Protein backbone atom coordinates (compact mmCIF):
# COMPACT_ATOMS: atom_id res chain seq x y z
CA MET A 1 -0.01 0.13 0.15
CA ILE A 2 1.34 3.56 -0.96
CA GLY A 3 0.68 6.02 1.94
CA VAL A 4 0.50 9.53 1.02
CA VAL A 5 1.19 11.78 4.15
CA ASP A 6 -1.44 14.29 4.69
CA TYR A 7 -0.47 16.91 6.94
CA GLY A 8 -2.39 19.49 5.27
CA LEU A 9 -0.25 20.54 2.40
CA GLY A 10 0.19 18.89 -1.12
CA ASN A 11 -2.11 17.60 -3.90
CA ILE A 12 -3.09 14.59 -1.72
CA GLN A 13 -6.22 13.42 -4.00
CA ALA A 14 -4.25 13.72 -7.13
CA PHE A 15 -2.05 11.14 -6.08
CA LEU A 16 -4.64 8.79 -4.93
CA ASN A 17 -6.55 9.31 -7.97
CA ILE A 18 -3.47 8.15 -10.01
CA TYR A 19 -2.84 5.13 -7.96
CA LYS A 20 -6.77 4.46 -8.26
CA SER A 21 -6.27 4.45 -12.19
CA LEU A 22 -3.51 2.17 -11.89
CA ASN A 23 -5.21 -0.20 -9.69
CA ILE A 24 -2.62 0.13 -6.96
CA PRO A 25 -3.85 0.53 -3.29
CA ALA A 26 -3.07 3.79 -1.95
CA MET A 27 -4.43 5.80 0.84
CA ALA A 28 -4.19 9.41 2.62
CA ILE A 29 -2.28 9.00 6.00
CA ARG A 30 -3.05 11.45 8.69
CA THR A 31 -1.78 9.75 12.02
CA ALA A 32 1.27 7.64 13.06
CA GLY A 33 -0.71 4.64 13.57
CA GLU A 34 -1.80 4.38 10.07
CA LEU A 35 1.78 4.72 8.61
CA ALA A 36 2.60 1.28 9.94
CA ASP A 37 0.70 -0.11 6.86
CA ALA A 38 2.25 1.88 4.29
CA LYS A 39 5.06 0.00 2.28
CA ARG A 40 6.04 2.98 0.31
CA ILE A 41 5.65 6.71 1.39
CA ILE A 42 4.94 9.67 -0.62
CA LEU A 43 5.70 13.03 1.10
CA PRO A 44 4.13 15.99 -0.70
CA GLY A 45 4.63 19.44 -0.03
CA VAL A 46 3.60 23.21 -1.31
CA GLY A 47 4.46 26.61 -0.07
CA SER A 48 7.39 27.61 2.22
CA PHE A 49 9.85 25.55 3.83
CA ASP A 50 9.09 26.48 7.61
CA TRP A 51 5.61 26.34 7.14
CA ALA A 52 5.77 22.78 5.91
CA MET A 53 8.19 21.72 8.45
CA GLU A 54 5.99 23.33 11.18
CA ARG A 55 2.74 21.44 9.76
CA LEU A 56 4.87 18.06 9.49
CA ASN A 57 6.23 18.55 13.31
CA ALA A 58 2.71 19.35 14.56
CA SER A 59 0.87 16.22 12.78
CA GLY A 60 2.20 13.80 15.08
CA MET A 61 3.73 11.60 12.40
CA ARG A 62 7.35 12.99 12.53
CA ASP A 63 8.91 10.22 14.66
CA ALA A 64 6.76 7.60 12.93
CA LEU A 65 8.17 8.83 9.68
CA ASP A 66 11.58 8.76 10.85
CA GLU A 67 11.29 5.25 12.40
CA LEU A 68 10.05 3.95 9.25
CA VAL A 69 12.42 5.73 6.68
CA LEU A 70 15.57 5.67 8.81
CA GLY A 71 14.79 2.40 10.81
CA LYS A 72 12.88 0.06 8.67
CA LYS A 73 14.30 1.55 5.40
CA ARG A 74 10.81 2.31 3.72
CA PRO A 75 10.94 3.62 0.46
CA VAL A 76 10.09 7.28 0.27
CA LEU A 77 9.09 9.83 -2.44
CA GLY A 78 9.41 13.75 -1.53
CA VAL A 79 7.66 15.97 -3.86
CA CYS A 80 8.41 19.79 -4.51
CA VAL A 81 8.73 21.07 -0.94
CA GLY A 82 8.39 17.39 0.30
CA MET A 83 11.90 16.82 -1.40
CA GLN A 84 13.47 20.09 -0.08
CA MET A 85 12.44 18.89 3.57
CA LEU A 86 14.54 15.86 2.92
CA ALA A 87 17.68 18.20 3.06
CA ARG A 88 19.41 19.22 6.35
CA ARG A 89 18.21 22.81 6.12
CA SER A 90 16.84 25.54 3.33
CA GLU A 91 17.69 29.16 2.77
CA GLU A 92 14.16 29.94 2.51
CA GLY A 93 13.46 29.10 6.59
CA ARG A 94 15.25 28.66 9.98
CA LEU A 95 13.81 25.36 10.77
CA PRO A 96 15.96 22.35 10.35
CA GLY A 97 14.88 20.05 7.83
CA LEU A 98 14.32 16.11 7.82
CA GLY A 99 18.00 15.45 7.35
CA TRP A 100 17.21 12.16 5.49
CA ILE A 101 19.61 12.99 2.48
CA PRO A 102 22.92 15.15 3.09
CA ALA A 103 22.00 18.48 1.14
CA GLU A 104 21.08 21.95 1.69
CA VAL A 105 18.12 23.86 -0.36
CA ARG A 106 19.27 27.20 -1.96
CA ARG A 107 17.71 30.10 -3.81
CA PHE A 108 18.35 30.41 -7.64
CA ASP A 109 20.79 33.22 -8.30
CA GLU A 110 18.47 35.93 -9.47
CA ASN A 111 21.52 37.58 -11.11
CA GLY A 112 22.10 34.66 -13.42
CA PHE A 113 18.71 35.55 -15.30
CA THR A 114 17.95 37.87 -18.20
CA GLN A 115 14.47 37.40 -18.72
CA LYS A 116 12.22 40.10 -16.62
CA THR A 117 10.27 37.65 -14.82
CA HIS A 118 12.11 34.37 -13.65
CA LEU A 119 11.14 33.34 -10.19
CA PRO A 120 9.52 31.21 -9.84
CA HIS A 121 10.57 28.67 -12.09
CA MET A 122 7.05 27.57 -13.13
CA GLY A 123 5.40 25.53 -16.04
CA TRP A 124 6.97 22.57 -17.97
CA ASN A 125 10.29 21.51 -18.34
CA ASP A 126 12.70 18.53 -19.23
CA ALA A 127 14.36 16.41 -16.93
CA ALA A 128 17.51 14.39 -17.77
CA PRO A 129 17.56 11.04 -16.08
CA ARG A 130 21.19 10.17 -15.25
CA ALA A 131 19.92 6.47 -14.95
CA ILE A 132 16.97 4.94 -16.72
CA ASP A 133 16.28 2.62 -13.79
CA SER A 134 14.27 3.23 -10.89
CA LEU A 135 12.01 6.40 -11.17
CA PHE A 136 12.61 7.00 -14.74
CA CYS A 137 12.06 3.34 -16.14
CA SER A 138 10.28 3.17 -19.47
CA MET A 139 10.60 6.97 -20.20
CA GLU A 140 11.95 8.63 -23.11
CA GLU A 141 12.58 12.56 -22.88
CA PRO A 142 10.58 13.17 -19.95
CA ARG A 143 8.92 16.52 -19.03
CA PHE A 144 7.55 17.47 -15.82
CA TYR A 145 5.41 20.42 -14.28
CA PHE A 146 7.54 22.85 -11.74
CA LEU A 147 6.79 25.57 -9.23
CA HIS A 148 9.66 26.53 -7.07
CA SER A 149 11.80 29.12 -6.48
CA TYR A 150 14.58 27.09 -4.64
CA TYR A 151 16.52 24.00 -5.50
CA PHE A 152 18.12 21.09 -3.75
CA LEU A 153 21.91 20.82 -3.69
CA PRO A 154 23.19 17.13 -2.24
CA ASP A 155 26.38 17.13 -0.56
CA ASN A 156 27.08 14.06 -3.07
CA SER A 157 26.48 14.55 -6.56
CA GLU A 158 26.16 11.06 -7.18
CA GLN A 159 22.90 11.21 -5.68
CA ILE A 160 21.32 13.33 -8.43
CA LEU A 161 18.95 11.24 -10.38
CA ALA A 162 17.89 13.65 -13.11
CA THR A 163 18.85 17.45 -13.81
CA THR A 164 17.07 20.15 -15.28
CA ASP A 165 18.23 23.46 -17.05
CA TYR A 166 16.82 26.74 -15.78
CA ASN A 167 19.40 29.04 -16.66
CA GLY A 168 21.63 26.58 -15.23
CA VAL A 169 21.56 22.98 -14.29
CA PHE A 170 20.24 21.85 -11.01
CA ALA A 171 18.99 18.44 -9.42
CA SER A 172 15.14 17.95 -10.31
CA SER A 173 15.23 14.41 -8.81
CA VAL A 174 17.54 12.86 -6.27
CA ARG A 175 18.20 9.47 -4.65
CA ALA A 176 19.77 8.50 -1.72
CA GLY A 177 19.35 4.42 -1.49
CA HIS A 178 15.56 4.11 -0.65
CA VAL A 179 14.92 8.12 -0.33
CA PHE A 180 13.84 9.72 -3.48
CA GLY A 181 13.01 13.05 -4.40
CA THR A 182 11.23 15.17 -7.18
CA GLN A 183 11.22 18.92 -7.34
CA PHE A 184 8.80 18.68 -10.08
CA HIS A 185 5.09 17.42 -9.73
CA PRO A 186 4.57 14.06 -10.99
CA GLU A 187 0.78 14.19 -9.98
CA LYS A 188 0.66 17.27 -12.43
CA SER A 189 2.55 15.74 -15.15
CA HIS A 190 0.22 13.76 -17.25
CA HIS A 191 1.65 10.36 -18.65
CA TRP A 192 5.43 11.09 -17.95
CA GLY A 193 4.17 11.56 -13.95
CA ILE A 194 1.89 8.65 -13.97
CA GLN A 195 4.68 6.48 -15.18
CA LEU A 196 7.18 7.90 -12.65
CA LEU A 197 4.35 7.20 -9.71
CA LYS A 198 3.87 3.74 -11.06
CA ASN A 199 7.78 2.99 -11.10
CA PHE A 200 8.08 4.20 -7.15
CA ALA A 201 5.49 1.69 -6.54
CA GLU A 202 7.33 -1.30 -7.99
CA ILE A 203 10.59 -0.32 -6.54
């Protein structure tokens, strides 16, 4: 069963609708007790880093998530701000992140852009997988929907699973063992996103 963590942020129903169409069991997870049955976990997120961390910390699920992900090695997929929360910290806020991947989240350098309106990075863009297994299996020239002003910078570049160019190349997907992240929104990315979520369910 895929557990989509519902702490008040993210497109929960969109994930559930996709998994229903794929005949893959999935449910919204709102308590630590419900987490125990989740074989794979999706951590969505929208909005600011600190707001998301505050909501997750107040949800009563933080300790259970740490236990399942760090202790029991349950596969987890962080999406958008959910991916950024996997890092130690973000330049967007003051609260510590989950620290499941050694990384920091930084703001795009506004001085590097020539177009008048450049942030947020919003809309469709390519993702160039560094490997065609795991999340990007059975995809050709994938494109995804983005909405963000900060990017994920892992300490270890070998943990970058895919890159995207937005006036400079950044990590649009990462993997550290059983911990995955996508800066883009697969639940809004048509057949590429559906395939990615199917691939995650099969990892």
